[in-house]
Amino acid sequence: MEIIHTELKGLVVLKPKVFADARGYFFESYNQKLFNDAGLNLNFVQDNQSLSQKGVLRGLHFQNPPHAQGKLVRVITGAVYDVAVDIRKNSPTYGKWFGIELTEENKWMMYVPAGFAHGFLTLRDNTVFSYKCTAFYNKEAEDCLLWNDTQIGINWNVKDPLLSQKDLEGKPFKDFITRF
C-alpha cells in the first residue's frame, strides 16, 4: 500500500495494491500491521456506510472532543470529491483544506484524523461511501461547518447540491470556535 502524506499534517491518502485479473480484483482495504508500520496506530470501533445520488453533499462534519473521531474513508461504488478541513487551532494549516477524488476505479482511501472537518460531494448516482471510525458516534458532540463558507473557499464545482437541514445550517468559519 502506498501512503501519501498531504500538506495537512496527519491527513493521508492511501493507495492499495490492487490485484486484478479476468475474474475481478482483490485488495486489502485495511491491514493493521501496514498501518502501524506507517505510523497510523489506529483503533477502529465503528464502520459506517451511506448511499447517495449524484449531487448530494454531506459535510463538513466532525465530532468535538472528547468524542472526536478519526475516519478512514473510501468509495465502494461510484465516486466522490472528498474534502477535509484542518480545524486544529495550533496547526500551521488551520482553516486550510485538501480535496481528492475517490472512486470505485482508483480504490484510493483517505485517513481523516480527529481535528478535521470532513465532507464529500457525490459525483455519480448510487455512490456507496464507507468509513471506519476511531470513536463511536455521539450526537451531543457532533458539529458542522458551512459547506460553502467563503473563508474556507472549497471549490466543490457544484451550484445547487442536495443538502440535509443540518448541512444547510452549518456554522460559518468566522464564528467557529474550535475545541481542538
C-alpha atoms as a PDB file:
ATOM      1  CA  MET A   1       0.000   0.000   0.000  1.00  0.00           C
ATOM      2  CA  GLU A   2       1.323   3.412  -0.942  1.00  0.00           C
ATOM      3  CA  ILE A   3       0.806   6.055   1.735  1.00  0.00           C
ATOM      4  CA  ILE A   4       0.948   9.687   0.652  1.00  0.00           C
ATOM      5  CA  HIS A   5       1.230  12.389   3.312  1.00  0.00           C
ATOM      6  CA  THR A   6      -0.612  15.563   2.344  1.00  0.00           C
ATOM      7  CA  GLU A   7       0.442  19.105   3.227  1.00  0.00           C
ATOM      8  CA  LEU A   8      -2.042  18.927   6.138  1.00  0.00           C
ATOM      9  CA  LYS A   9      -0.210  17.021   8.878  1.00  0.00           C
ATOM     10  CA  GLY A  10      -1.877  13.714   9.732  1.00  0.00           C
ATOM     11  CA  LEU A  11      -4.131  13.665   6.669  1.00  0.00           C
ATOM     12  CA  VAL A  12      -3.003  10.854   4.380  1.00  0.00           C
ATOM     13  CA  VAL A  13      -4.084   9.295   1.100  1.00  0.00           C
ATOM     14  CA  LEU A  14      -3.744   5.537   0.830  1.00  0.00           C
ATOM     15  CA  LYS A  15      -3.406   3.748  -2.493  1.00  0.00           C
ATOM     16  CA  PRO A  16      -3.817  -0.009  -2.071  1.00  0.00           C
ATOM     17  CA  LYS A  17      -2.153  -2.608  -4.240  1.00  0.00           C
ATOM     18  CA  VAL A  18      -4.925  -3.991  -6.411  1.00  0.00           C
ATOM     19  CA  PHE A  19      -4.592  -7.481  -7.876  1.00  0.00           C
ATOM     20  CA  ALA A  20      -6.852  -7.743 -10.919  1.00  0.00           C
ATOM     21  CA  ASP A  21      -7.419 -10.456 -13.490  1.00  0.00           C
ATOM     22  CA  ALA A  22     -10.236 -11.801 -15.675  1.00  0.00           C
ATOM     23  CA  ARG A  23     -12.183 -12.845 -12.553  1.00  0.00           C
ATOM     24  CA  GLY A  24     -12.206  -9.374 -10.979  1.00  0.00           C
ATOM     25  CA  TYR A  25      -9.947  -7.858  -8.338  1.00  0.00           C
ATOM     26  CA  PHE A  26      -8.684  -8.203  -4.768  1.00  0.00           C
ATOM     27  CA  PHE A  27      -7.114  -5.674  -2.407  1.00  0.00           C
ATOM     28  CA  GLU A  28      -6.630  -5.128   1.299  1.00  0.00           C
ATOM     29  CA  SER A  29      -8.671  -2.130   2.390  1.00  0.00           C
ATOM     30  CA  TYR A  30      -7.205  -2.313   5.883  1.00  0.00           C
ATOM     31  CA  ASN A  31      -4.189  -4.111   7.312  1.00  0.00           C
ATOM     32  CA  GLN A  32      -3.310  -3.176  10.889  1.00  0.00           C
ATOM     33  CA  LYS A  33       0.363  -4.122  10.504  1.00  0.00           C
ATOM     34  CA  LEU A  34       0.817  -1.965   7.385  1.00  0.00           C
ATOM     35  CA  PHE A  35      -0.953   0.951   9.053  1.00  0.00           C
ATOM     36  CA  ASN A  36       1.139   0.602  12.225  1.00  0.00           C
ATOM     37  CA  ASP A  37       4.350   0.413  10.165  1.00  0.00           C
ATOM     38  CA  ALA A  38       3.312   3.707   8.535  1.00  0.00           C
ATOM     39  CA  GLY A  39       2.765   5.344  11.924  1.00  0.00           C
ATOM     40  CA  LEU A  40      -1.024   5.082  11.732  1.00  0.00           C
ATOM     41  CA  ASN A  41      -1.651   3.338  15.051  1.00  0.00           C
ATOM     42  CA  LEU A  42      -5.427   3.347  14.917  1.00  0.00           C
ATOM     43  CA  ASN A  43      -8.169   1.538  16.758  1.00  0.00           C
ATOM     44  CA  PHE A  44     -11.365   1.442  14.723  1.00  0.00           C
ATOM     45  CA  VAL A  45     -14.569   0.915  16.701  1.00  0.00           C
ATOM     46  CA  GLN A  46     -17.364   1.607  14.206  1.00  0.00           C
ATOM     47  CA  ASP A  47     -17.989   1.207  10.467  1.00  0.00           C
ATOM     48  CA  ASN A  48     -20.495   3.433   8.627  1.00  0.00           C
ATOM     49  CA  GLN A  49     -21.820   3.371   5.086  1.00  0.00           C
ATOM     50  CA  SER A  50     -24.027   5.710   3.072  1.00  0.00           C
ATOM     51  CA  LEU A  51     -25.755   5.567  -0.306  1.00  0.00           C
ATOM     52  CA  SER A  52     -26.185   8.857  -2.171  1.00  0.00           C
ATOM     53  CA  GLN A  53     -27.345  10.007  -5.566  1.00  0.00           C
ATOM     54  CA  LYS A  54     -25.287  12.332  -7.774  1.00  0.00           C
ATOM     55  CA  GLY A  55     -25.088  15.860  -6.402  1.00  0.00           C
ATOM     56  CA  VAL A  56     -25.530  15.023  -2.714  1.00  0.00           C
ATOM     57  CA  LEU A  57     -23.144  16.949  -0.489  1.00  0.00           C
ATOM     58  CA  ARG A  58     -22.578  15.723   3.070  1.00  0.00           C
ATOM     59  CA  GLY A  59     -20.483  17.873   5.372  1.00  0.00           C
ATOM     60  CA  LEU A  60     -18.469  19.486   6.714  1.00  0.00           C
ATOM     61  CA  HIS A  61     -18.922  17.237   9.768  1.00  0.00           C
ATOM     62  CA  PHE A  62     -16.872  16.445  12.862  1.00  0.00           C
ATOM     63  CA  GLN A  63     -17.285  15.415  16.471  1.00  0.00           C
ATOM     64  CA  ASN A  64     -15.891  17.589  19.248  1.00  0.00           C
ATOM     65  CA  PRO A  65     -13.585  16.260  21.975  1.00  0.00           C
ATOM     66  CA  PRO A  66     -13.737  14.080  23.976  1.00  0.00           C
ATOM     67  CA  HIS A  67     -15.674  12.191  21.278  1.00  0.00           C
ATOM     68  CA  ALA A  68     -13.538  13.285  18.306  1.00  0.00           C
ATOM     69  CA  GLN A  69     -13.274  10.737  15.516  1.00  0.00           C
ATOM     70  CA  GLY A  70     -10.616   9.795  13.015  1.00  0.00           C
ATOM     71  CA  LYS A  71     -12.085   8.332   9.810  1.00  0.00           C
ATOM     72  CA  LEU A  72     -10.709   6.031   7.137  1.00  0.00           C
ATOM     73  CA  VAL A  73     -12.920   6.846   4.141  1.00  0.00           C
ATOM     74  CA  ARG A  74     -13.376   5.155   0.783  1.00  0.00           C
ATOM     75  CA  VAL A  75     -15.828   4.626  -2.057  1.00  0.00           C
ATOM     76  CA  ILE A  76     -17.200   1.148  -2.713  1.00  0.00           C
ATOM     77  CA  THR A  77     -19.229   2.067  -5.812  1.00  0.00           C
ATOM     78  CA  GLY A  78     -19.454   5.388  -7.611  1.00  0.00           C
ATOM     79  CA  ALA A  79     -17.284   8.455  -6.993  1.00  0.00           C
ATOM     80  CA  VAL A  80     -16.945  11.389  -4.606  1.00  0.00           C
ATOM     81  CA  TYR A  81     -14.978  14.564  -4.254  1.00  0.00           C
ATOM     82  CA  ASP A  82     -13.746  14.141  -0.682  1.00  0.00           C
ATOM     83  CA  VAL A  83     -12.631  17.108   1.432  1.00  0.00           C
ATOM     84  CA  ALA A  84     -11.033  17.610   4.854  1.00  0.00           C
ATOM     85  CA  VAL A  85     -10.542  20.967   6.623  1.00  0.00           C
ATOM     86  CA  ASP A  86      -7.951  21.416   9.373  1.00  0.00           C
ATOM     87  CA  ILE A  87      -9.707  22.767  12.497  1.00  0.00           C
ATOM     88  CA  ARG A  88      -6.799  22.330  14.950  1.00  0.00           C
ATOM     89  CA  LYS A  89      -6.210  25.827  16.389  1.00  0.00           C
ATOM     90  CA  ASN A  90      -2.440  25.427  16.852  1.00  0.00           C
ATOM     91  CA  SER A  91      -1.868  23.864  13.454  1.00  0.00           C
ATOM     92  CA  PRO A  92       0.097  25.874  10.868  1.00  0.00           C
ATOM     93  CA  THR A  93      -2.553  24.772   8.330  1.00  0.00           C
ATOM     94  CA  TYR A  94      -5.591  25.782  10.452  1.00  0.00           C
ATOM     95  CA  GLY A  95      -8.507  26.568   8.139  1.00  0.00           C
ATOM     96  CA  LYS A  96      -6.809  25.022   5.087  1.00  0.00           C
ATOM     97  CA  TRP A  97      -8.453  22.236   3.133  1.00  0.00           C
ATOM     98  CA  PHE A  98      -7.477  19.293   0.968  1.00  0.00           C
ATOM     99  CA  GLY A  99      -9.672  17.605  -1.625  1.00  0.00           C
ATOM    100  CA  ILE A 100      -9.314  14.445  -3.683  1.00  0.00           C
ATOM    101  CA  GLU A 101     -11.481  12.316  -5.934  1.00  0.00           C
ATOM    102  CA  LEU A 102     -12.113   8.843  -4.540  1.00  0.00           C
ATOM    103  CA  THR A 103     -13.678   6.372  -6.957  1.00  0.00           C
ATOM    104  CA  GLU A 104     -14.563   2.723  -7.263  1.00  0.00           C
ATOM    105  CA  GLU A 105     -11.936   2.537 -10.022  1.00  0.00           C
ATOM    106  CA  ASN A 106      -8.950   4.044  -8.208  1.00  0.00           C
ATOM    107  CA  LYS A 107      -9.864   2.407  -4.848  1.00  0.00           C
ATOM    108  CA  TRP A 108      -7.964   5.134  -3.002  1.00  0.00           C
ATOM    109  CA  MET A 109      -8.745   5.899   0.624  1.00  0.00           C
ATOM    110  CA  MET A 110      -8.096   8.860   2.865  1.00  0.00           C
ATOM    111  CA  TYR A 111      -7.432   8.890   6.584  1.00  0.00           C
ATOM    112  CA  VAL A 112      -9.003  11.975   8.162  1.00  0.00           C
ATOM    113  CA  PRO A 113      -7.676  12.353  11.723  1.00  0.00           C
ATOM    114  CA  ALA A 114      -9.535  13.918  14.639  1.00  0.00           C
ATOM    115  CA  GLY A 115      -9.260  17.691  14.375  1.00  0.00           C
ATOM    116  CA  PHE A 116     -10.535  17.858  10.810  1.00  0.00           C
ATOM    117  CA  ALA A 117     -13.995  18.638   9.449  1.00  0.00           C
ATOM    118  CA  HIS A 118     -14.922  16.225   6.666  1.00  0.00           C
ATOM    119  CA  GLY A 119     -17.339  16.251   3.763  1.00  0.00           C
ATOM    120  CA  PHE A 120     -17.927  14.830   0.323  1.00  0.00           C
ATOM    121  CA  LEU A 121     -19.857  15.505  -2.876  1.00  0.00           C
ATOM    122  CA  THR A 122     -21.161  12.513  -4.816  1.00  0.00           C
ATOM    123  CA  LEU A 123     -20.209  12.594  -8.487  1.00  0.00           C
ATOM    124  CA  ARG A 124     -22.340   9.623  -9.631  1.00  0.00           C
ATOM    125  CA  ASP A 125     -25.705   8.114  -8.827  1.00  0.00           C
ATOM    126  CA  ASN A 126     -25.825   5.218  -6.362  1.00  0.00           C
ATOM    127  CA  THR A 127     -22.492   6.055  -4.752  1.00  0.00           C
ATOM    128  CA  VAL A 128     -21.729   3.884  -1.737  1.00  0.00           C
ATOM    129  CA  PHE A 129     -19.357   5.600   0.690  1.00  0.00           C
ATOM    130  CA  SER A 130     -17.786   3.730   3.593  1.00  0.00           C
ATOM    131  CA  TYR A 131     -15.795   4.860   6.600  1.00  0.00           C
ATOM    132  CA  LYS A 132     -14.201   3.314   9.641  1.00  0.00           C
ATOM    133  CA  CYS A 133     -14.218   5.461  12.804  1.00  0.00           C
ATOM    134  CA  THR A 134     -11.830   5.625  15.756  1.00  0.00           C
ATOM    135  CA  ALA A 135     -14.603   6.714  18.158  1.00  0.00           C
ATOM    136  CA  PHE A 136     -18.292   5.951  18.495  1.00  0.00           C
ATOM    137  CA  TYR A 137     -20.899   8.370  17.188  1.00  0.00           C
ATOM    138  CA  ASN A 138     -22.077  10.804  19.867  1.00  0.00           C
ATOM    139  CA  LYS A 139     -24.979  13.083  18.934  1.00  0.00           C
ATOM    140  CA  GLU A 140     -24.119  15.716  21.575  1.00  0.00           C
ATOM    141  CA  ALA A 141     -20.560  16.007  20.188  1.00  0.00           C
ATOM    142  CA  GLU A 142     -21.487  16.384  16.504  1.00  0.00           C
ATOM    143  CA  ASP A 143     -20.873  19.681  14.779  1.00  0.00           C
ATOM    144  CA  CYS A 144     -20.882  21.086  11.258  1.00  0.00           C
ATOM    145  CA  LEU A 145     -19.178  23.888   9.355  1.00  0.00           C
ATOM    146  CA  LEU A 146     -20.939  25.579   6.464  1.00  0.00           C
ATOM    147  CA  TRP A 147     -20.095  23.629   3.308  1.00  0.00           C
ATOM    148  CA  ASN A 148     -19.744  26.727   1.092  1.00  0.00           C
ATOM    149  CA  ASP A 149     -18.081  29.084   3.553  1.00  0.00           C
ATOM    150  CA  THR A 150     -16.163  31.709   1.553  1.00  0.00           C
ATOM    151  CA  GLN A 151     -13.410  32.000   4.172  1.00  0.00           C
ATOM    152  CA  ILE A 152     -12.570  28.302   3.763  1.00  0.00           C
ATOM    153  CA  GLY A 153     -13.038  28.585  -0.016  1.00  0.00           C
ATOM    154  CA  ILE A 154     -13.589  24.973  -1.092  1.00  0.00           C
ATOM    155  CA  ASN A 155     -14.208  24.676  -4.837  1.00  0.00           C
ATOM    156  CA  TRP A 156     -16.885  21.975  -4.865  1.00  0.00           C
ATOM    157  CA  ASN A 157     -17.612  22.661  -8.553  1.00  0.00           C
ATOM    158  CA  VAL A 158     -21.374  22.442  -7.923  1.00  0.00           C
ATOM    159  CA  LYS A 159     -24.029  25.167  -7.694  1.00  0.00           C
ATOM    160  CA  ASP A 160     -27.029  23.550  -6.017  1.00  0.00           C
ATOM    161  CA  PRO A 161     -26.091  20.350  -4.191  1.00  0.00           C
ATOM    162  CA  LEU A 162     -28.649  18.260  -2.343  1.00  0.00           C
ATOM    163  CA  LEU A 163     -28.152  19.066   1.355  1.00  0.00           C
ATOM    164  CA  SER A 164     -29.599  17.978   4.686  1.00  0.00           C
ATOM    165  CA  GLN A 165     -31.079  20.562   7.036  1.00  0.00           C
ATOM    166  CA  LYS A 166     -28.040  20.108   9.307  1.00  0.00           C
ATOM    167  CA  ASP A 167     -25.684  20.931   6.428  1.00  0.00           C
ATOM    168  CA  LEU A 168     -27.740  23.977   5.414  1.00  0.00           C
ATOM    169  CA  GLU A 169     -27.336  25.274   8.978  1.00  0.00           C
ATOM    170  CA  GLY A 170     -23.570  24.695   9.300  1.00  0.00           C
ATOM    171  CA  LYS A 171     -21.521  27.271  11.206  1.00  0.00           C
ATOM    172  CA  PRO A 172     -19.659  29.984   9.310  1.00  0.00           C
ATOM    173  CA  PHE A 173     -15.914  29.645   9.850  1.00  0.00           C
ATOM    174  CA  LYS A 174     -15.584  33.241  11.121  1.00  0.00           C
ATOM    175  CA  ASP A 175     -17.944  32.389  14.023  1.00  0.00           C
ATOM    176  CA  PHE A 176     -16.417  28.994  14.717  1.00  0.00           C
ATOM    177  CA  ILE A 177     -14.504  28.423  17.954  1.00  0.00           C
ATOM    178  CA  THR A 178     -12.553  25.202  17.699  1.00  0.00           C
ATOM    179  CA  ARG A 179     -12.253  22.778  20.603  1.00  0.00           C
ATOM    180  CA  PHE A 180      -9.225  21.041  19.055  1.00  0.00           C
END
